[in-house]
């Protein structure tokens, strides 16, 4: 996993509210989410790349003055350690 993060936040606030969420399947095992948040971040850049494993994919979050947006492309499958196979849970 590669995770790059830089943020400046308000230490006297703990606000974290979901403003909106949009999600769609874009294939048999892939999904995309587009989210908006009200947070305590003054400035936020968060980039994550996880090529393998549960929910592997790319996540980008950008924020300015307490408003963050997130774009997340990911695999919906989970690894079952008992059967050594990928599974999709409902």
Protein backbone atom coordinates (compact mmCIF):
# COMPACT_ATOMS: atom_id res chain seq x y z
CA UNK A 1 0.00 0.00 0.00
CA UNK A 2 1.14 3.52 -0.76
CA UNK A 3 -0.39 6.27 1.37
CA UNK A 4 0.54 9.95 1.00
CA UNK A 5 -1.13 12.35 3.39
CA UNK A 6 -0.68 16.01 4.26
CA UNK A 7 -3.15 17.94 6.37
CA UNK A 8 -3.52 20.96 8.58
CA UNK A 9 -6.39 20.67 11.00
CA UNK A 10 -8.10 22.56 13.79
CA UNK A 11 -6.99 20.83 17.03
CA UNK A 12 -9.96 22.25 18.98
CA UNK A 13 -12.55 20.65 16.72
CA UNK A 14 -13.57 17.03 16.18
CA UNK A 15 -16.21 17.65 13.52
CA UNK A 16 -16.70 14.93 10.92
CA UNK A 17 -20.04 14.83 9.12
CA UNK A 18 -21.02 13.11 5.90
CA UNK A 19 -22.72 15.67 3.66
CA UNK A 20 -23.47 13.35 0.73
CA UNK A 21 -22.53 9.98 -0.68
CA UNK A 22 -22.85 8.60 -4.21
CA UNK A 23 -21.81 5.04 -5.02
CA UNK A 24 -22.13 2.85 -8.11
CA UNK A 25 -20.97 -0.53 -9.33
CA UNK A 26 -18.78 -0.21 -12.43
CA UNK A 27 -18.27 -3.90 -13.12
CA UNK A 28 -18.79 -7.30 -11.58
CA UNK A 29 -16.34 -6.69 -8.72
CA UNK A 30 -15.56 -2.97 -8.90
CA UNK A 31 -17.26 0.06 -7.40
CA UNK A 32 -16.79 3.81 -7.22
CA UNK A 33 -17.78 6.22 -4.44
CA UNK A 34 -17.93 10.01 -4.47
CA UNK A 35 -18.38 11.54 -1.01
CA UNK A 36 -18.52 14.96 0.58
CA UNK A 37 -17.66 15.69 4.21
CA UNK A 38 -17.66 18.59 6.67
CA UNK A 39 -14.49 18.12 8.75
CA UNK A 40 -12.02 19.81 11.07
CA UNK A 41 -9.36 19.97 8.32
CA UNK A 42 -8.19 23.39 7.19
CA UNK A 43 -6.21 21.80 4.35
CA UNK A 44 -6.11 18.12 3.42
CA UNK A 45 -4.57 16.01 0.65
CA UNK A 46 -4.79 12.24 1.03
CA UNK A 47 -3.78 9.81 -1.73
CA UNK A 48 -3.97 6.05 -1.21
CA UNK A 49 -3.05 3.23 -3.60
CA UNK A 50 -3.67 -0.36 -2.51
CA UNK A 51 -3.09 -2.70 -5.48
CA UNK A 52 -4.00 -5.98 -3.70
CA UNK A 53 -5.99 -7.17 -0.69
CA UNK A 54 -9.48 -6.48 0.61
CA UNK A 55 -10.98 -3.41 -1.06
CA UNK A 56 -7.85 -2.77 -3.11
CA UNK A 57 -7.99 0.33 -5.27
CA UNK A 58 -7.34 4.08 -5.39
CA UNK A 59 -8.66 6.75 -3.01
CA UNK A 60 -8.19 10.49 -3.40
CA UNK A 61 -9.39 12.97 -0.75
CA UNK A 62 -8.97 16.72 -1.04
CA UNK A 63 -10.10 19.30 1.50
CA UNK A 64 -10.07 23.02 2.07
CA UNK A 65 -11.55 25.09 4.91
CA UNK A 66 -13.57 22.29 6.46
CA UNK A 67 -15.01 20.78 3.28
CA UNK A 68 -13.57 17.54 1.89
CA UNK A 69 -14.39 15.53 -1.22
CA UNK A 70 -13.37 11.91 -1.73
CA UNK A 71 -13.20 9.79 -4.87
CA UNK A 72 -12.68 6.08 -4.25
CA UNK A 73 -12.33 3.30 -6.88
CA UNK A 74 -12.12 -0.13 -5.25
CA UNK A 75 -12.63 -3.89 -5.48
CA UNK A 76 -15.62 -5.14 -3.46
CA UNK A 77 -14.23 -8.64 -2.81
CA UNK A 78 -12.82 -10.03 0.45
CA UNK A 79 -10.22 -12.77 0.86
CA UNK A 80 -11.51 -15.91 2.60
CA UNK A 81 -8.56 -17.40 4.49
CA UNK A 82 -10.35 -20.72 5.07
CA UNK A 83 -10.92 -21.49 1.38
CA UNK A 84 -8.10 -19.32 -0.04
CA UNK A 85 -10.48 -17.68 -2.52
CA UNK A 86 -12.00 -14.27 -3.20
CA UNK A 87 -15.62 -13.88 -2.08
CA UNK A 88 -18.27 -11.19 -2.36
CA UNK A 89 -20.35 -10.66 0.79
CA UNK A 90 -23.88 -9.29 0.50
